[in-house]
PDB file of N, CA and C in Angstrom:
ATOM      1  N   MET A   1      12.621  51.204  -8.518  1.00  0.00           N
ATOM      2  CA  MET A   1      11.674  50.952  -7.560  1.00  0.00           C
ATOM      3  C   MET A   1      11.610  49.811  -6.581  1.00  0.00           C
ATOM      4  N   ILE A   2      10.889  50.349  -5.331  1.00  0.00           N
ATOM      5  CA  ILE A   2      11.062  49.488  -3.943  1.00  0.00           C
ATOM      6  C   ILE A   2       9.700  48.889  -4.171  1.00  0.00           C
ATOM      7  N   SER A   3       9.980  47.584  -3.542  1.00  0.00           N
ATOM      8  CA  SER A   3       8.758  46.904  -3.072  1.00  0.00           C
ATOM      9  C   SER A   3       8.578  46.738  -1.593  1.00  0.00           C
ATOM     10  N   ILE A   4       8.169  46.576  -0.951  1.00  0.00           N
ATOM     11  CA  ILE A   4       7.802  46.329   1.008  1.00  0.00           C
ATOM     12  C   ILE A   4       6.419  45.653   0.930  1.00  0.00           C
ATOM     13  N   ASN A   5       6.147  44.945   0.486  1.00  0.00           N
ATOM     14  CA  ASN A   5       4.894  43.916   1.042  1.00  0.00           C
ATOM     15  C   ASN A   5       4.277  44.648  -0.402  1.00  0.00           C
ATOM     16  N   GLY A   6       4.138  44.316  -1.562  1.00  0.00           N
ATOM     17  CA  GLY A   6       2.789  44.834  -2.040  1.00  0.00           C
ATOM     18  C   GLY A   6       3.135  46.740  -2.257  1.00  0.00           C
ATOM     19  N   ILE A   7       3.462  47.755  -1.398  1.00  0.00           N
ATOM     20  CA  ILE A   7       3.609  48.176  -1.508  1.00  0.00           C
ATOM     21  C   ILE A   7       4.852  49.364  -2.169  1.00  0.00           C
ATOM     22  N   TYR A   8       4.803  50.083  -3.295  1.00  0.00           N
ATOM     23  CA  TYR A   8       6.054  50.392  -4.036  1.00  0.00           C
ATOM     24  C   TYR A   8       6.309  52.104  -3.394  1.00  0.00           C
ATOM     25  N   ALA A   9       7.508  52.225  -3.911  1.00  0.00           N
ATOM     26  CA  ALA A   9       8.150  53.738  -3.885  1.00  0.00           C
ATOM     27  C   ALA A   9       9.103  54.219  -4.596  1.00  0.00           C
ATOM     28  N   GLN A  10       8.447  55.334  -5.294  1.00  0.00           N
ATOM     29  CA  GLN A  10       9.292  55.481  -6.253  1.00  0.00           C
ATOM     30  C   GLN A  10       9.399  57.574  -5.931  1.00  0.00           C
ATOM     31  N   LYS A  11      10.470  58.442  -5.771  1.00  0.00           N
ATOM     32  CA  LYS A  11      10.742  59.677  -6.021  1.00  0.00           C
ATOM     33  C   LYS A  11       9.437  59.930  -4.751  1.00  0.00           C
ATOM     34  N   ASN A  12       9.297  60.067  -4.234  1.00  0.00           N
ATOM     35  CA  ASN A  12       8.311  60.117  -3.037  1.00  0.00           C
ATOM     36  C   ASN A  12       7.153  59.890  -3.368  1.00  0.00           C
ATOM     37  N   LEU A  13       6.660  59.477  -4.257  1.00  0.00           N
ATOM     38  CA  LEU A  13       5.129  58.722  -4.682  1.00  0.00           C
ATOM     39  C   LEU A  13       5.079  57.013  -4.390  1.00  0.00           C
ATOM     40  N   ASN A  14       4.338  57.215  -3.501  1.00  0.00           N
ATOM     41  CA  ASN A  14       3.984  55.684  -2.845  1.00  0.00           C
ATOM     42  C   ASN A  14       2.866  54.964  -3.636  1.00  0.00           C
ATOM     43  N   SER A  15       3.349  53.836  -3.996  1.00  0.00           N
ATOM     44  CA  SER A  15       2.153  53.513  -4.761  1.00  0.00           C
ATOM     45  C   SER A  15       1.768  52.155  -3.856  1.00  0.00           C
ATOM     46  N   ILE A  16       0.363  51.510  -4.326  1.00  0.00           N
ATOM     47  CA  ILE A  16      -0.331  50.480  -3.676  1.00  0.00           C
ATOM     48  C   ILE A  16      -1.020  49.882  -4.623  1.00  0.00           C
ATOM     49  N   ASP A  17      -1.034  48.208  -4.724  1.00  0.00           N
ATOM     50  CA  ASP A  17      -1.778  47.646  -5.146  1.00  0.00           C
ATOM     51  C   ASP A  17      -2.558  46.927  -4.592  1.00  0.00           C
ATOM     52  N   LYS A  18      -3.597  46.766  -5.492  1.00  0.00           N
ATOM     53  CA  LYS A  18      -4.788  46.368  -5.003  1.00  0.00           C
ATOM     54  C   LYS A  18      -5.217  45.325  -4.025  1.00  0.00           C
ATOM     55  N   SER A  19      -4.448  44.283  -3.781  1.00  0.00           N
ATOM     56  CA  SER A  19      -4.284  43.263  -2.520  1.00  0.00           C
ATOM     57  C   SER A  19      -4.024  43.642  -1.359  1.00  0.00           C
ATOM     58  N   SER A  20      -3.139  44.582  -1.649  1.00  0.00           N
ATOM     59  CA  SER A  20      -1.816  45.776  -0.213  1.00  0.00           C
ATOM     60  C   SER A  20      -3.242  46.916   0.004  1.00  0.00           C
ATOM     61  N   LEU A  21      -4.137  47.163  -0.858  1.00  0.00           N
ATOM     62  CA  LEU A  21      -4.867  47.983  -0.513  1.00  0.00           C
ATOM     63  C   LEU A  21      -5.904  47.503   0.335  1.00  0.00           C
ATOM     64  N   ILE A  22      -6.545  46.162  -0.161  1.00  0.00           N
ATOM     65  CA  ILE A  22      -7.522  45.145   0.923  1.00  0.00           C
ATOM     66  C   ILE A  22      -6.897  45.174   1.938  1.00  0.00           C
ATOM     67  N   GLU A  23      -5.559  44.763   2.149  1.00  0.00           N
ATOM     68  CA  GLU A  23      -5.197  44.468   3.676  1.00  0.00           C
ATOM     69  C   GLU A  23      -5.091  45.673   4.222  1.00  0.00           C
ATOM     70  N   ILE A  24      -4.773  46.482   3.811  1.00  0.00           N
ATOM     71  CA  ILE A  24      -4.425  47.821   4.678  1.00  0.00           C
ATOM     72  C   ILE A  24      -5.972  48.508   5.231  1.00  0.00           C
ATOM     73  N   LEU A  25      -6.733  47.892   4.621  1.00  0.00           N
ATOM     74  CA  LEU A  25      -8.002  48.443   4.937  1.00  0.00           C
ATOM     75  C   LEU A  25      -8.904  48.115   6.188  1.00  0.00           C
ATOM     76  N   SER A  26      -8.242  46.593   5.857  1.00  0.00           N
ATOM     77  CA  SER A  26      -8.607  45.988   6.909  1.00  0.00           C
ATOM     78  C   SER A  26      -8.467  46.151   8.536  1.00  0.00           C
ATOM     79  N   GLN A  27      -7.251  46.652   8.215  1.00  0.00           N
ATOM     80  CA  GLN A  27      -5.844  46.706   9.281  1.00  0.00           C
ATOM     81  C   GLN A  27      -5.884  48.468   9.358  1.00  0.00           C
ATOM     82  N   GLU A  28      -6.277  49.480   9.423  1.00  0.00           N
ATOM     83  CA  GLU A  28      -6.141  50.321   9.570  1.00  0.00           C
ATOM     84  C   GLU A  28      -7.312  51.617   9.426  1.00  0.00           C
ATOM     85  N   LYS A  29      -7.276  52.640   9.921  1.00  0.00           N
ATOM     86  CA  LYS A  29      -8.127  53.987   9.176  1.00  0.00           C
ATOM     87  C   LYS A  29      -7.161  54.547   8.093  1.00  0.00           C
ATOM     88  N   VAL A  30      -7.908  54.277   7.169  1.00  0.00           N
ATOM     89  CA  VAL A  30      -7.997  54.963   5.480  1.00  0.00           C
ATOM     90  C   VAL A  30      -8.846  55.736   4.810  1.00  0.00           C
ATOM     91  N   GLN A  31      -8.010  56.772   4.727  1.00  0.00           N
ATOM     92  CA  GLN A  31      -9.229  57.574   3.887  1.00  0.00           C
ATOM     93  C   GLN A  31      -8.729  57.111   2.377  1.00  0.00           C
ATOM     94  N   LEU A  32     -10.215  57.220   1.629  1.00  0.00           N
ATOM     95  CA  LEU A  32      -9.703  56.627   0.290  1.00  0.00           C
ATOM     96  C   LEU A  32     -10.931  58.255  -0.786  1.00  0.00           C
ATOM     97  N   LEU A  33      -9.733  58.692  -1.639  1.00  0.00           N
ATOM     98  CA  LEU A  33     -10.002  59.694  -2.338  1.00  0.00           C
ATOM     99  C   LEU A  33     -10.174  59.592  -3.357  1.00  0.00           C
ATOM    100  N   ASP A  34     -11.079  59.470  -4.184  1.00  0.00           N
ATOM    101  CA  ASP A  34     -11.940  59.461  -5.902  1.00  0.00           C
ATOM    102  C   ASP A  34     -11.884  60.290  -6.355  1.00  0.00           C
ATOM    103  N   VAL A  35     -10.392  60.675  -7.768  1.00  0.00           N
ATOM    104  CA  VAL A  35     -10.168  62.255  -8.494  1.00  0.00           C
ATOM    105  C   VAL A  35     -11.098  62.106 -10.029  1.00  0.00           C
ATOM    106  N   ARG A  36     -11.859  61.174  -9.637  1.00  0.00           N
ATOM    107  CA  ARG A  36     -12.151  61.028 -11.280  1.00  0.00           C
ATOM    108  C   ARG A  36     -13.754  62.457 -11.188  1.00  0.00           C
ATOM    109  N   THR A  37     -14.376  62.139 -11.956  1.00  0.00           N
ATOM    110  CA  THR A  37     -15.177  62.729 -12.269  1.00  0.00           C
ATOM    111  C   THR A  37     -16.759  62.149 -11.535  1.00  0.00           C
ATOM    112  N   GLU A  38     -17.646  63.254 -10.949  1.00  0.00           N
ATOM    113  CA  GLU A  38     -19.133  62.753 -10.543  1.00  0.00           C
ATOM    114  C   GLU A  38     -19.439  61.634 -10.916  1.00  0.00           C
ATOM    115  N   HIS A  39     -20.035  61.607 -12.534  1.00  0.00           N
ATOM    116  CA  HIS A  39     -20.325  60.854 -13.686  1.00  0.00           C
ATOM    117  C   HIS A  39     -19.584  59.360 -13.369  1.00  0.00           C
ATOM    118  N   GLU A  40     -18.187  59.310 -13.657  1.00  0.00           N
ATOM    119  CA  GLU A  40     -17.181  57.864 -13.142  1.00  0.00           C
ATOM    120  C   GLU A  40     -17.278  57.258 -12.174  1.00  0.00           C
ATOM    121  N   PHE A  41     -17.248  58.301 -10.601  1.00  0.00           N
ATOM    122  CA  PHE A  41     -17.766  58.287  -9.653  1.00  0.00           C
ATOM    123  C   PHE A  41     -19.354  57.631  -9.266  1.00  0.00           C
ATOM    124  N   GLN A  42     -20.206  57.932  -9.524  1.00  0.00           N
ATOM    125  CA  GLN A  42     -21.641  57.270  -9.914  1.00  0.00           C
ATOM    126  C   GLN A  42     -21.376  55.723 -10.484  1.00  0.00           C
ATOM    127  N   ASP A  43     -20.916  55.561 -11.655  1.00  0.00           N
ATOM    128  CA  ASP A  43     -20.600  54.358 -12.525  1.00  0.00           C
ATOM    129  C   ASP A  43     -20.411  53.530 -11.598  1.00  0.00           C
ATOM    130  N   GLY A  44     -19.579  53.610 -10.610  1.00  0.00           N
ATOM    131  CA  GLY A  44     -18.892  52.594  -9.596  1.00  0.00           C
ATOM    132  C   GLY A  44     -17.458  53.124  -9.188  1.00  0.00           C
ATOM    133  N   ALA A  45     -17.527  52.746  -7.632  1.00  0.00           N
ATOM    134  CA  ALA A  45     -16.036  53.127  -7.055  1.00  0.00           C
ATOM    135  C   ALA A  45     -16.162  52.488  -5.472  1.00  0.00           C
ATOM    136  N   ILE A  46     -14.981  52.546  -5.234  1.00  0.00           N
ATOM    137  CA  ILE A  46     -14.552  51.951  -4.061  1.00  0.00           C
ATOM    138  C   ILE A  46     -14.911  52.079  -2.973  1.00  0.00           C
ATOM    139  N   GLU A  47     -15.972  51.074  -1.993  1.00  0.00           N
ATOM    140  CA  GLU A  47     -16.648  51.726  -1.112  1.00  0.00           C
ATOM    141  C   GLU A  47     -15.508  52.442  -0.174  1.00  0.00           C
ATOM    142  N   GLY A  48     -17.092  53.449   0.030  1.00  0.00           N
ATOM    143  CA  GLY A  48     -15.794  54.585   1.547  1.00  0.00           C
ATOM    144  C   GLY A  48     -15.206  55.433   0.639  1.00  0.00           C
ATOM    145  N   ALA A  49     -15.461  56.098  -0.562  1.00  0.00           N
ATOM    146  CA  ALA A  49     -14.301  56.596  -1.225  1.00  0.00           C
ATOM    147  C   ALA A  49     -15.157  58.225  -0.922  1.00  0.00           C
ATOM    148  N   ILE A  50     -14.045  59.141  -0.813  1.00  0.00           N
ATOM    149  CA  ILE A  50     -15.006  60.372  -0.922  1.00  0.00           C
ATOM    150  C   ILE A  50     -14.212  61.185  -2.027  1.00  0.00           C
ATOM    151  N   ASN A  51     -15.740  61.079  -2.990  1.00  0.00           N
ATOM    152  CA  ASN A  51     -15.023  61.780  -4.557  1.00  0.00           C
ATOM    153  C   ASN A  51     -15.261  63.337  -4.524  1.00  0.00           C
ATOM    154  N   ILE A  52     -13.584  63.919  -5.115  1.00  0.00           N
ATOM    155  CA  ILE A  52     -13.306  65.063  -5.349  1.00  0.00           C
ATOM    156  C   ILE A  52     -12.629  64.559  -6.889  1.00  0.00           C
ATOM    157  N   ASP A  53     -13.446  65.912  -7.743  1.00  0.00           N
ATOM    158  CA  ASP A  53     -12.571  65.631  -8.810  1.00  0.00           C
ATOM    159  C   ASP A  53     -11.704  66.500  -9.283  1.00  0.00           C
ATOM    160  N   PHE A  54     -10.337  66.181  -9.452  1.00  0.00           N
ATOM    161  CA  PHE A  54      -8.701  66.310  -9.669  1.00  0.00           C
ATOM    162  C   PHE A  54      -9.351  68.199 -10.525  1.00  0.00           C
ATOM    163  N   TRP A  55     -10.011  67.982 -11.136  1.00  0.00           N
ATOM    164  CA  TRP A  55     -10.536  69.053 -12.759  1.00  0.00           C
ATOM    165  C   TRP A  55     -11.354  70.097 -12.079  1.00  0.00           C
ATOM    166  N   ASP A  56     -11.869  69.819 -10.905  1.00  0.00           N
ATOM    167  CA  ASP A  56     -12.471  70.927 -10.292  1.00  0.00           C
ATOM    168  C   ASP A  56     -11.274  72.058  -9.614  1.00  0.00           C
ATOM    169  N   PRO A  57     -12.164  73.368 -10.187  1.00  0.00           N
ATOM    170  CA  PRO A  57     -11.405  74.536  -9.725  1.00  0.00           C
ATOM    171  C   PRO A  57     -11.134  74.561  -8.013  1.00  0.00           C
ATOM    172  N   ASP A  58     -11.993  73.816  -7.550  1.00  0.00           N
ATOM    173  CA  ASP A  58     -12.005  74.233  -5.953  1.00  0.00           C
ATOM    174  C   ASP A  58     -11.125  72.820  -5.527  1.00  0.00           C
ATOM    175  N   PHE A  59     -10.612  71.924  -5.943  1.00  0.00           N
ATOM    176  CA  PHE A  59     -10.343  70.867  -6.173  1.00  0.00           C
ATOM    177  C   PHE A  59      -9.096  70.996  -4.382  1.00  0.00           C
ATOM    178  N   GLU A  60      -8.359  71.653  -4.640  1.00  0.00           N
ATOM    179  CA  GLU A  60      -7.312  71.929  -3.458  1.00  0.00           C
ATOM    180  C   GLU A  60      -7.999  72.160  -2.478  1.00  0.00           C
ATOM    181  N   GLN A  61      -9.320  73.149  -2.216  1.00  0.00           N
ATOM    182  CA  GLN A  61     -10.184  73.645  -0.891  1.00  0.00           C
ATOM    183  C   GLN A  61     -10.406  72.554  -0.552  1.00  0.00           C
ATOM    184  N   LYS A  62     -11.450  72.178  -1.498  1.00  0.00           N
ATOM    185  CA  LYS A  62     -12.000  71.186  -1.011  1.00  0.00           C
ATOM    186  C   LYS A  62     -11.310  69.509  -0.305  1.00  0.00           C
ATOM    187  N   VAL A  63     -10.746  69.290  -0.935  1.00  0.00           N
ATOM    188  CA  VAL A  63      -9.566  68.159   0.057  1.00  0.00           C
ATOM    189  C   VAL A  63      -9.079  68.964   1.473  1.00  0.00           C
ATOM    190  N   MET A  64      -8.808  69.701   1.585  1.00  0.00           N
ATOM    191  CA  MET A  64      -8.356  70.198   2.423  1.00  0.00           C
ATOM    192  C   MET A  64      -9.620  70.335   3.684  1.00  0.00           C
ATOM    193  N   ALA A  65     -10.543  71.112   3.551  1.00  0.00           N
ATOM    194  CA  ALA A  65     -11.573  70.317   3.963  1.00  0.00           C
ATOM    195  C   ALA A  65     -12.480  69.082   4.654  1.00  0.00           C
ATOM    196  N   LYS A  66     -11.716  68.509   3.551  1.00  0.00           N
ATOM    197  CA  LYS A  66     -13.226  67.487   3.858  1.00  0.00           C
ATOM    198  C   LYS A  66     -11.544  65.855   4.477  1.00  0.00           C
ATOM    199  N   MET A  67     -10.537  66.364   4.285  1.00  0.00           N
ATOM    200  CA  MET A  67      -9.274  65.149   4.332  1.00  0.00           C
ATOM    201  C   MET A  67      -8.830  65.256   5.790  1.00  0.00           C
ATOM    202  N   ASN A  68      -8.048  64.749   6.004  1.00  0.00           N
ATOM    203  CA  ASN A  68      -7.246  64.413   7.192  1.00  0.00           C
ATOM    204  C   ASN A  68      -5.516  64.540   6.656  1.00  0.00           C
ATOM    205  N   LYS A  69      -4.765  65.517   7.692  1.00  0.00           N
ATOM    206  CA  LYS A  69      -3.295  64.966   6.537  1.00  0.00           C
ATOM    207  C   LYS A  69      -3.100  64.306   7.721  1.00  0.00           C
ATOM    208  N   LYS A  70      -3.279  63.627   8.842  1.00  0.00           N
ATOM    209  CA  LYS A  70      -2.708  63.001   9.727  1.00  0.00           C
ATOM    210  C   LYS A  70      -2.906  61.501   9.543  1.00  0.00           C
ATOM    211  N   ILE A  71      -3.894  61.398   8.798  1.00  0.00           N
ATOM    212  CA  ILE A  71      -4.433  60.081   8.346  1.00  0.00           C
ATOM    213  C   ILE A  71      -3.986  59.591   7.338  1.00  0.00           C
ATOM    214  N   THR A  72      -3.649  58.453   6.945  1.00  0.00           N
ATOM    215  CA  THR A  72      -3.212  58.177   5.788  1.00  0.00           C
ATOM    216  C   THR A  72      -4.534  58.305   4.590  1.00  0.00           C
ATOM    217  N   ILE A  73      -3.806  58.320   3.381  1.00  0.00           N
ATOM    218  CA  ILE A  73      -4.922  58.266   2.695  1.00  0.00           C
ATOM    219  C   ILE A  73      -4.609  57.751   1.302  1.00  0.00           C
ATOM    220  N   VAL A  74      -5.530  57.215   0.521  1.00  0.00           N
ATOM    221  CA  VAL A  74      -4.944  56.571  -1.024  1.00  0.00           C
ATOM    222  C   VAL A  74      -6.169  56.617  -2.046  1.00  0.00           C
ATOM    223  N   VAL A  75      -5.043  57.757  -3.140  1.00  0.00           N
ATOM    224  CA  VAL A  75      -6.143  58.444  -4.123  1.00  0.00           C
ATOM    225  C   VAL A  75      -6.174  57.521  -5.491  1.00  0.00           C
ATOM    226  N   TYR A  76      -7.577  57.156  -5.992  1.00  0.00           N
ATOM    227  CA  TYR A  76      -7.049  57.092  -7.217  1.00  0.00           C
ATOM    228  C   TYR A  76      -8.679  57.312  -8.430  1.00  0.00           C
ATOM    229  N   CYS A  77      -8.036  57.319  -9.684  1.00  0.00           N
ATOM    230  CA  CYS A  77      -8.560  57.932 -10.452  1.00  0.00           C
ATOM    231  C   CYS A  77      -9.557  56.378 -11.467  1.00  0.00           C
ATOM    232  N   ALA A  78      -9.572  56.844 -12.876  1.00  0.00           N
ATOM    233  CA  ALA A  78      -9.560  55.479 -13.256  1.00  0.00           C
ATOM    234  C   ALA A  78      -8.308  54.675 -13.705  1.00  0.00           C
ATOM    235  N   ALA A  79      -7.503  55.116 -14.105  1.00  0.00           N
ATOM    236  CA  ALA A  79      -6.205  54.230 -14.483  1.00  0.00           C
ATOM    237  C   ALA A  79      -4.556  54.506 -14.011  1.00  0.00           C
ATOM    238  N   GLY A  80      -4.558  56.233 -13.402  1.00  0.00           N
ATOM    239  CA  GLY A  80      -3.276  56.404 -12.627  1.00  0.00           C
ATOM    240  C   GLY A  80      -2.796  57.475 -12.911  1.00  0.00           C
ATOM    241  N   GLY A  81      -3.181  58.114 -13.960  1.00  0.00           N
ATOM    242  CA  GLY A  81      -2.793  59.780 -14.014  1.00  0.00           C
ATOM    243  C   GLY A  81      -2.917  60.722 -13.689  1.00  0.00           C
ATOM    244  N   ARG A  82      -4.669  61.470 -13.335  1.00  0.00           N
ATOM    245  CA  ARG A  82      -4.622  61.982 -12.400  1.00  0.00           C
ATOM    246  C   ARG A  82      -4.561  61.725 -10.753  1.00  0.00           C
ATOM    247  N   SER A  83      -4.537  60.708 -10.631  1.00  0.00           N
ATOM    248  CA  SER A  83      -4.181  60.332  -9.041  1.00  0.00           C
ATOM    249  C   SER A  83      -2.723  60.984  -8.766  1.00  0.00           C
ATOM    250  N   GLU A  84      -1.857  60.397  -9.872  1.00  0.00           N
ATOM    251  CA  GLU A  84      -0.421  60.500  -9.578  1.00  0.00           C
ATOM    252  C   GLU A  84      -0.106  61.825  -9.187  1.00  0.00           C
ATOM    253  N   MET A  85      -1.276  62.997 -10.016  1.00  0.00           N
ATOM    254  CA  MET A  85      -0.894  64.637 -10.008  1.00  0.00           C
ATOM    255  C   MET A  85      -1.307  64.927  -8.657  1.00  0.00           C
ATOM    256  N   ALA A  86      -2.288  64.437  -8.287  1.00  0.00           N
ATOM    257  CA  ALA A  86      -3.405  64.587  -7.035  1.00  0.00           C
ATOM    258  C   ALA A  86      -2.349  64.444  -6.061  1.00  0.00           C
ATOM    259  N   CYS A  87      -1.486  63.245  -6.128  1.00  0.00           N
ATOM    260  CA  CYS A  87      -0.583  62.809  -4.915  1.00  0.00           C
ATOM    261  C   CYS A  87       0.287  63.398  -4.849  1.00  0.00           C
ATOM    262  N   LYS A  88       0.667  64.151  -5.715  1.00  0.00           N
ATOM    263  CA  LYS A  88       2.158  65.023  -5.514  1.00  0.00           C
ATOM    264  C   LYS A  88       1.763  66.765  -5.379  1.00  0.00           C
ATOM    265  N   LEU A  89       0.418  67.235  -5.776  1.00  0.00           N
ATOM    266  CA  LEU A  89      -0.353  67.780  -4.743  1.00  0.00           C
ATOM    267  C   LEU A  89      -0.309  68.030  -3.595  1.00  0.00           C
ATOM    268  N   LEU A  90      -1.340  66.868  -2.727  1.00  0.00           N
ATOM    269  CA  LEU A  90      -1.214  66.344  -1.549  1.00  0.00           C
ATOM    270  C   LEU A  90      -0.182  66.264  -0.694  1.00  0.00           C
ATOM    271  N   SER A  91       0.770  65.956  -1.419  1.00  0.00           N
ATOM    272  CA  SER A  91       2.502  65.959  -0.845  1.00  0.00           C
ATOM    273  C   SER A  91       2.751  67.449  -0.400  1.00  0.00           C
ATOM    274  N   LYS A  92       2.782  68.251  -1.157  1.00  0.00           N
ATOM    275  CA  LYS A  92       2.946  69.761  -1.364  1.00  0.00           C
ATOM    276  C   LYS A  92       2.667  70.423  -0.361  1.00  0.00           C
ATOM    277  N   LYS A  93       0.798  70.006   0.204  1.00  0.00           N
ATOM    278  CA  LYS A  93       0.302  70.605   1.158  1.00  0.00           C
ATOM    279  C   LYS A  93       0.264  69.959   2.626  1.00  0.00           C
ATOM    280  N   GLY A  94       1.562  69.043   2.571  1.00  0.00           N
ATOM    281  CA  GLY A  94       1.541  68.108   4.029  1.00  0.00           C
ATOM    282  C   GLY A  94       1.065  66.940   4.027  1.00  0.00           C
ATOM    283  N   PHE A  95       0.529  66.369   3.588  1.00  0.00           N
ATOM    284  CA  PHE A  95      -0.039  64.935   3.692  1.00  0.00           C
ATOM    285  C   PHE A  95       1.006  64.190   3.154  1.00  0.00           C
ATOM    286  N   LYS A  96       1.316  63.102   4.622  1.00  0.00           N
ATOM    287  CA  LYS A  96       2.481  62.914   5.136  1.00  0.00           C
ATOM    288  C   LYS A  96       1.940  60.771   4.377  1.00  0.00           C
ATOM    289  N   LEU A  97       0.692  60.484   4.664  1.00  0.00           N
ATOM    290  CA  LEU A  97       1.041  59.261   4.274  1.00  0.00           C
ATOM    291  C   LEU A  97       0.138  58.986   3.252  1.00  0.00           C
ATOM    292  N   ILE A  98       0.844  59.160   2.043  1.00  0.00           N
ATOM    293  CA  ILE A  98      -0.384  59.051   0.666  1.00  0.00           C
ATOM    294  C   ILE A  98       0.392  57.779  -0.307  1.00  0.00           C
ATOM    295  N   TYR A  99      -0.954  57.052  -0.548  1.00  0.00           N
ATOM    296  CA  TYR A  99      -0.882  55.962  -1.853  1.00  0.00           C
ATOM    297  C   TYR A  99      -1.400  56.711  -3.045  1.00  0.00           C
ATOM    298  N   ASP A 100      -1.152  55.944  -3.899  1.00  0.00           N
ATOM    299  CA  ASP A 100      -1.666  56.210  -5.484  1.00  0.00           C
ATOM    300  C   ASP A 100      -1.752  54.599  -5.713  1.00  0.00           C
ATOM    301  N   LEU A 101      -3.598  54.371  -5.900  1.00  0.00           N
ATOM    302  CA  LEU A 101      -3.773  53.538  -6.606  1.00  0.00           C
ATOM    303  C   LEU A 101      -2.867  52.763  -7.952  1.00  0.00           C
ATOM    304  N   GLN A 102      -2.295  51.716  -8.210  1.00  0.00           N
ATOM    305  CA  GLN A 102      -1.728  51.257  -9.002  1.00  0.00           C
ATOM    306  C   GLN A 102      -2.994  50.763 -10.455  1.00  0.00           C
ATOM    307  N   GLY A 103      -3.265  51.543 -11.316  1.00  0.00           N
ATOM    308  CA  GLY A 103      -3.692  50.839 -12.176  1.00  0.00           C
ATOM    309  C   GLY A 103      -5.488  51.880 -12.015  1.00  0.00           C
ATOM    310  N   GLY A 104      -5.353  52.595 -11.083  1.00  0.00           N
ATOM    311  CA  GLY A 104      -6.784  53.118 -10.699  1.00  0.00           C
ATOM    312  C   GLY A 104      -7.958  52.034 -10.787  1.00  0.00           C
ATOM    313  N   TYR A 105      -9.271  52.581 -10.420  1.00  0.00           N
ATOM    314  CA  TYR A 105     -10.467  51.930 -10.631  1.00  0.00           C
ATOM    315  C   TYR A 105     -10.745  50.892 -11.498  1.00  0.00           C
ATOM    316  N   GLU A 106     -10.375  51.067 -12.858  1.00  0.00           N
ATOM    317  CA  GLU A 106     -10.264  50.087 -13.858  1.00  0.00           C
ATOM    318  C   GLU A 106      -9.768  49.070 -13.103  1.00  0.00           C
ATOM    319  N   ASP A 107      -8.634  49.237 -12.746  1.00  0.00           N
ATOM    320  CA  ASP A 107      -7.673  47.478 -12.113  1.00  0.00           C
ATOM    321  C   ASP A 107      -8.471  47.175 -10.990  1.00  0.00           C
ATOM    322  N   TYR A 108      -9.136  48.072 -10.394  1.00  0.00           N
ATOM    323  CA  TYR A 108      -9.598  47.469  -8.715  1.00  0.00           C
ATOM    324  C   TYR A 108     -10.411  47.074  -9.048  1.00  0.00           C
ATOM    325  N   ALA A 109     -11.292  47.209 -10.154  1.00  0.00           N
ATOM    326  CA  ALA A 109     -12.545  47.013 -10.368  1.00  0.00           C
ATOM    327  C   ALA A 109     -12.742  45.437 -10.842  1.00  0.00           C
ATOM    328  N   ASN A 110     -11.535  45.079 -11.954  1.00  0.00           N
ATOM    329  CA  ASN A 110     -11.364  43.744 -12.291  1.00  0.00           C
ATOM    330  C   ASN A 110     -10.925  42.826 -11.179  1.00  0.00           C
TER     331      ASN A 110
END
């Protein structure tokens, strides 16, 4: 794993930690994609995040309609499993600047 200023890269999957996310949010326009369920999202989320449930049958279509492929996107779920799968899907769909939040919302909130 390669570490560059708290941002990690491994096999085309970029991972970002909480402190690096906070820093990048203050410096540039970033899309936040919360792939948890609506119930999980209502219990707490990162400010400005768009919620699209990864298990929604229309997940792919909703992401393509709401997210811009040209703008950096940070994806997160509860702990990291769904977001990793979502990042791989987004990469296949042509998104270029994709980060998976390490530890998901659970780590971010603590």
